[in-house]
Amino acid sequence: MGGKWSSMDPSEIEVPEINTLLERDPYLKPYENEIRKRYALFKDYVEKIEAGDGSLDKFSRGYEVFGIHINEDNSVIAREWAPGAQELFLTGDFSK
């Protein structure tokens, strides 16, 4: 992804309670750097989401706006996020 966190040295990434995890399961010790890398990627994604949508909570509520919704008057709205799309097709049996 190439964000701020994932471009850092894995040993510099602070992972919450990683020492507790490694004490509880010492077999994970050889994978400590990989755990730190993956946590860095996670932090990059969270920052990217918060920069675009303002918060992780707002991003997680996308289902309230996007998708197919039936209104109170039985009309239907189909809304998708498709940046850069050249064409979109909605297929189905709509004549019932």
PDB file of N, CA and C in Angstrom:
ATOM      1  N   MET A   1       0.822  -1.186   0.000  1.00  0.00           N
ATOM      2  CA  MET A   1       0.000   0.000   0.000  1.00  0.00           C
ATOM      3  C   MET A   1       0.862   1.244   0.000  1.00  0.00           C
ATOM      4  N   GLY A   2       2.021   1.174   0.628  1.00  0.00           N
ATOM      5  CA  GLY A   2       2.955   2.277   0.576  1.00  0.00           C
ATOM      6  C   GLY A   2       2.588   3.487   1.409  1.00  0.00           C
ATOM      7  N   GLY A   3       1.877   3.297   2.506  1.00  0.00           N
ATOM      8  CA  GLY A   3       1.501   4.416   3.356  1.00  0.00           C
ATOM      9  C   GLY A   3       2.601   4.764   4.346  1.00  0.00           C
ATOM     10  N   LYS A   4       2.270   5.689   5.211  1.00  0.00           N
ATOM     11  CA  LYS A   4       3.227   6.176   6.211  1.00  0.00           C
ATOM     12  C   LYS A   4       3.725   5.043   7.108  1.00  0.00           C
ATOM     13  N   TRP A   5       2.829   4.210   7.561  1.00  0.00           N
ATOM     14  CA  TRP A   5       3.188   3.168   8.522  1.00  0.00           C
ATOM     15  C   TRP A   5       3.881   1.988   7.869  1.00  0.00           C
ATOM     16  N   SER A   6       3.353   1.537   6.735  1.00  0.00           N
ATOM     17  CA  SER A   6       3.908   0.332   6.111  1.00  0.00           C
ATOM     18  C   SER A   6       5.279   0.566   5.491  1.00  0.00           C
ATOM     19  N   SER A   7       5.687   1.825   5.338  1.00  0.00           N
ATOM     20  CA  SER A   7       7.019   2.098   4.799  1.00  0.00           C
ATOM     21  C   SER A   7       8.074   2.179   5.907  1.00  0.00           C
ATOM     22  N   MET A   8       7.640   2.071   7.157  1.00  0.00           N
ATOM     23  CA  MET A   8       8.570   2.114   8.291  1.00  0.00           C
ATOM     24  C   MET A   8       9.221   0.756   8.522  1.00  0.00           C
ATOM     25  N   ASP A   9      10.306   0.765   9.258  1.00  0.00           N
ATOM     26  CA  ASP A   9      10.955  -0.466   9.693  1.00  0.00           C
ATOM     27  C   ASP A   9       9.995  -1.182  10.646  1.00  0.00           C
ATOM     28  N   PRO A  10       9.678  -2.465  10.396  1.00  0.00           N
ATOM     29  CA  PRO A  10       8.710  -3.179  11.241  1.00  0.00           C
ATOM     30  C   PRO A  10       9.042  -3.144  12.733  1.00  0.00           C
ATOM     31  N   SER A  11      10.325  -3.129  13.064  1.00  0.00           N
ATOM     32  CA  SER A  11      10.695  -3.133  14.484  1.00  0.00           C
ATOM     33  C   SER A  11      10.307  -1.833  15.182  1.00  0.00           C
ATOM     34  N   GLU A  12       9.991  -0.780  14.405  1.00  0.00           N
ATOM     35  CA  GLU A  12       9.601   0.501  14.981  1.00  0.00           C
ATOM     36  C   GLU A  12       8.093   0.641  15.158  1.00  0.00           C
ATOM     37  N   ILE A  13       7.328  -0.295  14.623  1.00  0.00           N
ATOM     38  CA  ILE A  13       5.874  -0.228  14.703  1.00  0.00           C
ATOM     39  C   ILE A  13       5.422  -0.695  16.080  1.00  0.00           C
ATOM     40  N   GLU A  14       4.696   0.176  16.775  1.00  0.00           N
ATOM     41  CA  GLU A  14       4.157  -0.169  18.092  1.00  0.00           C
ATOM     42  C   GLU A  14       2.838  -0.907  17.914  1.00  0.00           C
ATOM     43  N   VAL A  15       2.812  -2.148  18.321  1.00  0.00           N
ATOM     44  CA  VAL A  15       1.600  -2.960  18.252  1.00  0.00           C
ATOM     45  C   VAL A  15       1.079  -3.122  19.674  1.00  0.00           C
ATOM     46  N   PRO A  16      -0.166  -2.727  19.921  1.00  0.00           N
ATOM     47  CA  PRO A  16      -0.704  -2.833  21.282  1.00  0.00           C
ATOM     48  C   PRO A  16      -0.637  -4.264  21.810  1.00  0.00           C
ATOM     49  N   GLU A  17      -0.097  -4.404  22.990  1.00  0.00           N
ATOM     50  CA  GLU A  17      -0.048  -5.673  23.724  1.00  0.00           C
ATOM     51  C   GLU A  17       0.639  -6.807  22.970  1.00  0.00           C
ATOM     52  N   ILE A  18       1.579  -6.488  22.095  1.00  0.00           N
ATOM     53  CA  ILE A  18       2.268  -7.554  21.362  1.00  0.00           C
ATOM     54  C   ILE A  18       3.110  -8.408  22.307  1.00  0.00           C
ATOM     55  N   ASN A  19       3.675  -7.799  23.337  1.00  0.00           N
ATOM     56  CA  ASN A  19       4.476  -8.585  24.285  1.00  0.00           C
ATOM     57  C   ASN A  19       3.615  -9.596  25.024  1.00  0.00           C
ATOM     58  N   THR A  20       2.404  -9.203  25.380  1.00  0.00           N
ATOM     59  CA  THR A  20       1.478 -10.134  26.032  1.00  0.00           C
ATOM     60  C   THR A  20       1.161 -11.296  25.099  1.00  0.00           C
ATOM     61  N   LEU A  21       0.926 -10.977  23.833  1.00  0.00           N
ATOM     62  CA  LEU A  21       0.639 -12.014  22.835  1.00  0.00           C
ATOM     63  C   LEU A  21       1.809 -12.981  22.704  1.00  0.00           C
ATOM     64  N   LEU A  22       3.023 -12.448  22.599  1.00  0.00           N
ATOM     65  CA  LEU A  22       4.199 -13.297  22.403  1.00  0.00           C
ATOM     66  C   LEU A  22       4.531 -14.102  23.655  1.00  0.00           C
ATOM     67  N   GLU A  23       4.205 -13.571  24.819  1.00  0.00           N
ATOM     68  CA  GLU A  23       4.393 -14.348  26.054  1.00  0.00           C
ATOM     69  C   GLU A  23       3.377 -15.478  26.135  1.00  0.00           C
ATOM     70  N   ARG A  24       2.161 -15.191  25.701  1.00  0.00           N
ATOM     71  CA  ARG A  24       1.099 -16.191  25.754  1.00  0.00           C
ATOM     72  C   ARG A  24       1.336 -17.304  24.741  1.00  0.00           C
ATOM     73  N   ASP A  25       1.869 -16.933  23.561  1.00  0.00           N
ATOM     74  CA  ASP A  25       2.111 -17.916  22.516  1.00  0.00           C
ATOM     75  C   ASP A  25       3.514 -17.711  21.930  1.00  0.00           C
ATOM     76  N   PRO A  26       4.529 -18.299  22.556  1.00  0.00           N
ATOM     77  CA  PRO A  26       5.906 -18.087  22.113  1.00  0.00           C
ATOM     78  C   PRO A  26       6.195 -18.582  20.698  1.00  0.00           C
ATOM     79  N   TYR A  27       5.345 -19.448  20.165  1.00  0.00           N
ATOM     80  CA  TYR A  27       5.536 -19.919  18.800  1.00  0.00           C
ATOM     81  C   TYR A  27       5.346 -18.790  17.778  1.00  0.00           C
ATOM     82  N   LEU A  28       4.754 -17.683  18.192  1.00  0.00           N
ATOM     83  CA  LEU A  28       4.562 -16.546  17.290  1.00  0.00           C
ATOM     84  C   LEU A  28       5.791 -15.642  17.197  1.00  0.00           C
ATOM     85  N   LYS A  29       6.741 -15.830  18.084  1.00  0.00           N
ATOM     86  CA  LYS A  29       7.922 -14.962  18.130  1.00  0.00           C
ATOM     87  C   LYS A  29       8.637 -14.854  16.771  1.00  0.00           C
ATOM     88  N   PRO A  30       8.828 -15.945  16.027  1.00  0.00           N
ATOM     89  CA  PRO A  30       9.493 -15.806  14.722  1.00  0.00           C
ATOM     90  C   PRO A  30       8.703 -14.943  13.729  1.00  0.00           C
ATOM     91  N   TYR A  31       7.423 -14.733  13.998  1.00  0.00           N
ATOM     92  CA  TYR A  31       6.555 -13.979  13.096  1.00  0.00           C
ATOM     93  C   TYR A  31       6.287 -12.558  13.597  1.00  0.00           C
ATOM     94  N   GLU A  32       7.042 -12.132  14.594  1.00  0.00           N
ATOM     95  CA  GLU A  32       6.817 -10.808  15.187  1.00  0.00           C
ATOM     96  C   GLU A  32       6.900  -9.698  14.144  1.00  0.00           C
ATOM     97  N   ASN A  33       7.895  -9.723  13.282  1.00  0.00           N
ATOM     98  CA  ASN A  33       8.011  -8.679  12.262  1.00  0.00           C
ATOM     99  C   ASN A  33       6.830  -8.695  11.305  1.00  0.00           C
ATOM    100  N   GLU A  34       6.352  -9.881  10.957  1.00  0.00           N
ATOM    101  CA  GLU A  34       5.197  -9.978  10.065  1.00  0.00           C
ATOM    102  C   GLU A  34       3.951  -9.410  10.744  1.00  0.00           C
ATOM    103  N   ILE A  35       3.781  -9.691  12.015  1.00  0.00           N
ATOM    104  CA  ILE A  35       2.656  -9.139  12.770  1.00  0.00           C
ATOM    105  C   ILE A  35       2.743  -7.615  12.762  1.00  0.00           C
ATOM    106  N   ARG A  36       3.940  -7.084  12.992  1.00  0.00           N
ATOM    107  CA  ARG A  36       4.130  -5.634  12.991  1.00  0.00           C
ATOM    108  C   ARG A  36       3.848  -5.041  11.608  1.00  0.00           C
ATOM    109  N   LYS A  37       4.280  -5.720  10.526  1.00  0.00           N
ATOM    110  CA  LYS A  37       4.007  -5.243   9.167  1.00  0.00           C
ATOM    111  C   LYS A  37       2.504  -5.191   8.896  1.00  0.00           C
ATOM    112  N   ARG A  38       1.822  -6.239   9.306  1.00  0.00           N
ATOM    113  CA  ARG A  38       0.376  -6.296   9.061  1.00  0.00           C
ATOM    114  C   ARG A  38      -0.366  -5.248   9.878  1.00  0.00           C
ATOM    115  N   TYR A  39       0.114  -4.986  11.078  1.00  0.00           N
ATOM    116  CA  TYR A  39      -0.503  -3.934  11.886  1.00  0.00           C
ATOM    117  C   TYR A  39      -0.265  -2.570  11.233  1.00  0.00           C
ATOM    118  N   ALA A  40       0.917  -2.377  10.650  1.00  0.00           N
ATOM    119  CA  ALA A  40       1.221  -1.129   9.946  1.00  0.00           C
ATOM    120  C   ALA A  40       0.286  -0.953   8.746  1.00  0.00           C
ATOM    121  N   LEU A  41       0.044  -2.019   7.989  1.00  0.00           N
ATOM    122  CA  LEU A  41      -0.897  -1.948   6.866  1.00  0.00           C
ATOM    123  C   LEU A  41      -2.293  -1.588   7.349  1.00  0.00           C
ATOM    124  N   PHE A  42      -2.699  -2.190   8.465  1.00  0.00           N
ATOM    125  CA  PHE A  42      -3.997  -1.875   9.056  1.00  0.00           C
ATOM    126  C   PHE A  42      -4.085  -0.387   9.386  1.00  0.00           C
ATOM    127  N   LYS A  43      -3.043   0.160  10.015  1.00  0.00           N
ATOM    128  CA  LYS A  43      -3.042   1.582  10.367  1.00  0.00           C
ATOM    129  C   LYS A  43      -3.098   2.464   9.123  1.00  0.00           C
ATOM    130  N   ASP A  44      -2.401   2.057   8.049  1.00  0.00           N
ATOM    131  CA  ASP A  44      -2.467   2.809   6.795  1.00  0.00           C
ATOM    132  C   ASP A  44      -3.890   2.831   6.250  1.00  0.00           C
ATOM    133  N   TYR A  45      -4.556   1.676   6.263  1.00  0.00           N
ATOM    134  CA  TYR A  45      -5.926   1.614   5.758  1.00  0.00           C
ATOM    135  C   TYR A  45      -6.866   2.476   6.599  1.00  0.00           C
ATOM    136  N   VAL A  46      -6.720   2.429   7.908  1.00  0.00           N
ATOM    137  CA  VAL A  46      -7.577   3.245   8.781  1.00  0.00           C
ATOM    138  C   VAL A  46      -7.363   4.727   8.485  1.00  0.00           C
ATOM    139  N   GLU A  47      -6.125   5.153   8.332  1.00  0.00           N
ATOM    140  CA  GLU A  47      -5.850   6.557   8.016  1.00  0.00           C
ATOM    141  C   GLU A  47      -6.441   6.946   6.664  1.00  0.00           C
ATOM    142  N   LYS A  48      -6.345   6.058   5.688  1.00  0.00           N
ATOM    143  CA  LYS A  48      -6.903   6.340   4.364  1.00  0.00           C
ATOM    144  C   LYS A  48      -8.426   6.473   4.432  1.00  0.00           C
ATOM    145  N   ILE A  49      -9.061   5.591   5.180  1.00  0.00           N
ATOM    146  CA  ILE A  49     -10.523   5.642   5.340  1.00  0.00           C
ATOM    147  C   ILE A  49     -10.927   6.925   6.047  1.00  0.00           C
ATOM    148  N   GLU A  50     -10.230   7.258   7.125  1.00  0.00           N
ATOM    149  CA  GLU A  50     -10.579   8.462   7.887  1.00  0.00           C
ATOM    150  C   GLU A  50     -10.326   9.736   7.076  1.00  0.00           C
ATOM    151  N   ALA A  51      -9.332   9.729   6.194  1.00  0.00           N
ATOM    152  CA  ALA A  51      -9.070  10.893   5.343  1.00  0.00           C
ATOM    153  C   ALA A  51     -10.195  11.085   4.328  1.00  0.00           C
ATOM    154  N   GLY A  52     -10.756   9.978   3.850  1.00  0.00           N
ATOM    155  CA  GLY A  52     -11.804  10.069   2.836  1.00  0.00           C
ATOM    156  C   GLY A  52     -13.194  10.261   3.403  1.00  0.00           C
ATOM    157  N   ASP A  53     -13.541   9.489   4.395  1.00  0.00           N
ATOM    158  CA  ASP A  53     -14.902   9.504   4.935  1.00  0.00           C
ATOM    159  C   ASP A  53     -15.031  10.223   6.271  1.00  0.00           C
ATOM    160  N   GLY A  54     -13.940  10.594   6.877  1.00  0.00           N
ATOM    161  CA  GLY A  54     -13.995  11.314   8.137  1.00  0.00           C
ATOM    162  C   GLY A  54     -13.859  10.426   9.361  1.00  0.00           C
ATOM    163  N   SER A  55     -14.382   9.202   9.293  1.00  0.00           N
ATOM    164  CA  SER A  55     -14.250   8.293  10.433  1.00  0.00           C
ATOM    165  C   SER A  55     -14.503   6.864   9.986  1.00  0.00           C
ATOM    166  N   LEU A  56     -13.973   5.941  10.753  1.00  0.00           N
ATOM    167  CA  LEU A  56     -14.187   4.522  10.484  1.00  0.00           C
ATOM    168  C   LEU A  56     -15.663   4.174  10.670  1.00  0.00           C
ATOM    169  N   ASP A  57     -16.312   4.824  11.648  1.00  0.00           N
ATOM    170  CA  ASP A  57     -17.733   4.581  11.890  1.00  0.00           C
ATOM    171  C   ASP A  57     -18.572   4.984  10.680  1.00  0.00           C
ATOM    172  N   LYS A  58     -18.297   6.160  10.117  1.00  0.00           N
ATOM    173  CA  LYS A  58     -19.053   6.618   8.949  1.00  0.00           C
ATOM    174  C   LYS A  58     -18.824   5.678   7.766  1.00  0.00           C
ATOM    175  N   PHE A  59     -17.586   5.236   7.562  1.00  0.00           N
ATOM    176  CA  PHE A  59     -17.259   4.313   6.483  1.00  0.00           C
ATOM    177  C   PHE A  59     -18.030   3.001   6.648  1.00  0.00           C
ATOM    178  N   SER A  60     -18.119   2.513   7.885  1.00  0.00           N
ATOM    179  CA  SER A  60     -18.773   1.225   8.130  1.00  0.00           C
ATOM    180  C   SER A  60     -20.282   1.288   7.939  1.00  0.00           C
ATOM    181  N   ARG A  61     -20.832   2.484   7.826  1.00  0.00           N
ATOM    182  CA  ARG A  61     -22.278   2.633   7.618  1.00  0.00           C
ATOM    183  C   ARG A  61     -22.641   2.831   6.147  1.00  0.00           C
ATOM    184  N   GLY A  62     -21.724   2.498   5.256  1.00  0.00           N
ATOM    185  CA  GLY A  62     -21.974   2.645   3.827  1.00  0.00           C
ATOM    186  C   GLY A  62     -23.176   1.862   3.349  1.00  0.00           C
ATOM    187  N   TYR A  63     -23.481   0.756   4.004  1.00  0.00           N
ATOM    188  CA  TYR A  63     -24.634  -0.062   3.613  1.00  0.00           C
ATOM    189  C   TYR A  63     -25.936   0.714   3.740  1.00  0.00           C
ATOM    190  N   GLU A  64     -25.978   1.762   4.560  1.00  0.00           N
ATOM    191  CA  GLU A  64     -27.198   2.555   4.733  1.00  0.00           C
ATOM    192  C   GLU A  64     -27.497   3.393   3.485  1.00  0.00           C
ATOM    193  N   VAL A  65     -26.466   3.688   2.693  1.00  0.00           N
ATOM    194  CA  VAL A  65     -26.623   4.514   1.500  1.00  0.00           C
ATOM    195  C   VAL A  65     -26.491   3.680   0.237  1.00  0.00           C
ATOM    196  N   PHE A  66     -25.470   2.825   0.188  1.00  0.00           N
ATOM    197  CA  PHE A  66     -25.195   2.061  -1.029  1.00  0.00           C
ATOM    198  C   PHE A  66     -25.936   0.731  -1.024  1.00  0.00           C
ATOM    199  N   GLY A  67     -26.162   0.226  -2.230  1.00  0.00           N
ATOM    200  CA  GLY A  67     -26.871  -1.034  -2.377  1.00  0.00           C
ATOM    201  C   GLY A  67     -28.269  -0.788  -2.911  1.00  0.00           C
ATOM    202  N   ILE A  68     -29.129  -1.756  -2.760  1.00  0.00           N
ATOM    203  CA  ILE A  68     -30.506  -1.648  -3.247  1.00  0.00           C
ATOM    204  C   ILE A  68     -31.410  -1.423  -2.039  1.00  0.00           C
ATOM    205  N   HIS A  69     -32.204  -0.357  -2.117  1.00  0.00           N
ATOM    206  CA  HIS A  69     -33.103   0.002  -1.019  1.00  0.00           C
ATOM    207  C   HIS A  69     -34.511   0.213  -1.563  1.00  0.00           C
ATOM    208  N   ILE A  70     -35.489  -0.314  -0.839  1.00  0.00           N
ATOM    209  CA  ILE A  70     -36.896  -0.129  -1.198  1.00  0.00           C
ATOM    210  C   ILE A  70     -37.450   0.976  -0.305  1.00  0.00           C
ATOM    211  N   ASN A  71     -37.997   2.010  -0.930  1.00  0.00           N
ATOM    212  CA  ASN A  71     -38.554   3.145  -0.194  1.00  0.00           C
ATOM    213  C   ASN A  71     -39.965   2.840   0.296  1.00  0.00           C
ATOM    214  N   GLU A  72     -40.510   3.709   1.132  1.00  0.00           N
ATOM    215  CA  GLU A  72     -41.848   3.510   1.689  1.00  0.00           C
ATOM    216  C   GLU A  72     -42.924   3.482   0.605  1.00  0.00           C
ATOM    217  N   ASP A  73     -42.696   4.190  -0.509  1.00  0.00           N
ATOM    218  CA  ASP A  73     -43.674   4.205  -1.609  1.00  0.00           C
ATOM    219  C   ASP A  73     -43.438   3.066  -2.607  1.00  0.00           C
ATOM    220  N   ASN A  74     -42.635   2.074  -2.218  1.00  0.00           N
ATOM    221  CA  ASN A  74     -42.284   0.903  -3.023  1.00  0.00           C
ATOM    222  C   ASN A  74     -41.389   1.229  -4.221  1.00  0.00           C
ATOM    223  N   SER A  75     -40.884   2.433  -4.314  1.00  0.00           N
ATOM    224  CA  SER A  75     -39.896   2.713  -5.346  1.00  0.00           C
ATOM    225  C   SER A  75     -38.564   2.120  -4.888  1.00  0.00           C
ATOM    226  N   VAL A  76     -37.696   1.880  -5.831  1.00  0.00           N
ATOM    227  CA  VAL A  76     -36.426   1.223  -5.539  1.00  0.00           C
ATOM    228  C   VAL A  76     -35.279   2.142  -5.951  1.00  0.00           C
ATOM    229  N   ILE A  77     -34.289   2.231  -5.093  1.00  0.00           N
ATOM    230  CA  ILE A  77     -33.072   2.972  -5.408  1.00  0.00           C
ATOM    231  C   ILE A  77     -31.907   1.996  -5.355  1.00  0.00           C
ATOM    232  N   ALA A  78     -31.107   1.978  -6.425  1.00  0.00           N
ATOM    233  CA  ALA A  78     -29.893   1.170  -6.464  1.00  0.00           C
ATOM    234  C   ALA A  78     -28.730   2.151  -6.578  1.00  0.00           C
ATOM    235  N   ARG A  79     -27.869   2.170  -5.569  1.00  0.00           N
ATOM    236  CA  ARG A  79     -26.767   3.129  -5.550  1.00  0.00           C
ATOM    237  C   ARG A  79     -25.476   2.377  -5.253  1.00  0.00           C
ATOM    238  N   GLU A  80     -24.496   2.550  -6.139  1.00  0.00           N
ATOM    239  CA  GLU A  80     -23.194   1.905  -5.962  1.00  0.00           C
ATOM    240  C   GLU A  80     -22.090   2.933  -6.073  1.00  0.00           C
ATOM    241  N   TRP A  81     -20.988   2.669  -5.430  1.00  0.00           N
ATOM    242  CA  TRP A  81     -19.796   3.513  -5.524  1.00  0.00           C
ATOM    243  C   TRP A  81     -18.880   2.850  -6.530  1.00  0.00           C
ATOM    244  N   ALA A  82     -18.607   3.539  -7.623  1.00  0.00           N
ATOM    245  CA  ALA A  82     -17.780   2.967  -8.677  1.00  0.00           C
ATOM    246  C   ALA A  82     -16.905   4.058  -9.295  1.00  0.00           C
ATOM    247  N   PRO A  83     -15.903   4.510  -8.577  1.00  0.00           N
ATOM    248  CA  PRO A  83     -15.059   5.576  -9.114  1.00  0.00           C
ATOM    249  C   PRO A  83     -14.312   5.110 -10.360  1.00  0.00           C
ATOM    250  N   GLY A  84     -14.320   5.941 -11.348  1.00  0.00           N
ATOM    251  CA  GLY A  84     -13.602   5.620 -12.573  1.00  0.00           C
ATOM    252  C   GLY A  84     -14.339   4.661 -13.500  1.00  0.00           C
ATOM    253  N   ALA A  85     -15.554   4.280 -13.163  1.00  0.00           N
ATOM    254  CA  ALA A  85     -16.292   3.340 -14.018  1.00  0.00           C
ATOM    255  C   ALA A  85     -16.689   4.017 -15.321  1.00  0.00           C
ATOM    256  N   GLN A  86     -16.584   3.295 -16.408  1.00  0.00           N
ATOM    257  CA  GLN A  86     -17.008   3.799 -17.712  1.00  0.00           C
ATOM    258  C   GLN A  86     -18.480   3.475 -17.959  1.00  0.00           C
ATOM    259  N   GLU A  87     -18.918   2.318 -17.472  1.00  0.00           N
ATOM    260  CA  GLU A  87     -20.303   1.897 -17.649  1.00  0.00           C
ATOM    261  C   GLU A  87     -20.730   1.066 -16.450  1.00  0.00           C
ATOM    262  N   LEU A  88     -22.025   1.088 -16.165  1.00  0.00           N
ATOM    263  CA  LEU A  88     -22.624   0.226 -15.145  1.00  0.00           C
ATOM    264  C   LEU A  88     -23.885  -0.371 -15.722  1.00  0.00           C
ATOM    265  N   PHE A  89     -24.172  -1.618 -15.400  1.00  0.00           N
ATOM    266  CA  PHE A  89     -25.362  -2.285 -15.886  1.00  0.00           C
ATOM    267  C   PHE A  89     -26.090  -2.900 -14.688  1.00  0.00           C
ATOM    268  N   LEU A  90     -27.383  -2.694 -14.637  1.00  0.00           N
ATOM    269  CA  LEU A  90     -28.235  -3.312 -13.627  1.00  0.00           C
ATOM    270  C   LEU A  90     -29.173  -4.250 -14.374  1.00  0.00           C
ATOM    271  N   THR A  91     -29.007  -5.522 -14.119  1.00  0.00           N
ATOM    272  CA  THR A  91     -29.804  -6.505 -14.859  1.00  0.00           C
ATOM    273  C   THR A  91     -30.756  -7.212 -13.911  1.00  0.00           C
ATOM    274  N   GLY A  92     -31.843  -7.675 -14.443  1.00  0.00           N
ATOM    275  CA  GLY A  92     -32.797  -8.427 -13.640  1.00  0.00           C
ATOM    276  C   GLY A  92     -34.192  -8.329 -14.235  1.00  0.00           C
ATOM    277  N   ASP A  93     -35.134  -8.959 -13.551  1.00  0.00           N
ATOM    278  CA  ASP A  93     -36.520  -8.942 -13.975  1.00  0.00           C
ATOM    279  C   ASP A  93     -37.212  -7.805 -13.237  1.00  0.00           C
ATOM    280  N   PHE A  94     -37.445  -6.693 -13.942  1.00  0.00           N
ATOM    281  CA  PHE A  94     -38.001  -5.501 -13.301  1.00  0.00           C
ATOM    282  C   PHE A  94     -39.440  -5.215 -13.697  1.00  0.00           C
ATOM    283  N   SER A  95     -40.112  -6.141 -14.354  1.00  0.00           N
ATOM    284  CA  SER A  95     -41.450  -5.864 -14.873  1.00  0.00           C
ATOM    285  C   SER A  95     -42.540  -6.594 -14.097  1.00  0.00           C
ATOM    286  N   LYS A  96     -42.295  -6.890 -12.859  1.00  0.00           N
ATOM    287  CA  LYS A  96     -43.318  -7.611 -12.077  1.00  0.00           C
ATOM    288  C   LYS A  96     -44.348  -6.679 -11.521  1.00  0.00           C
TER     289      LYS A  96
END
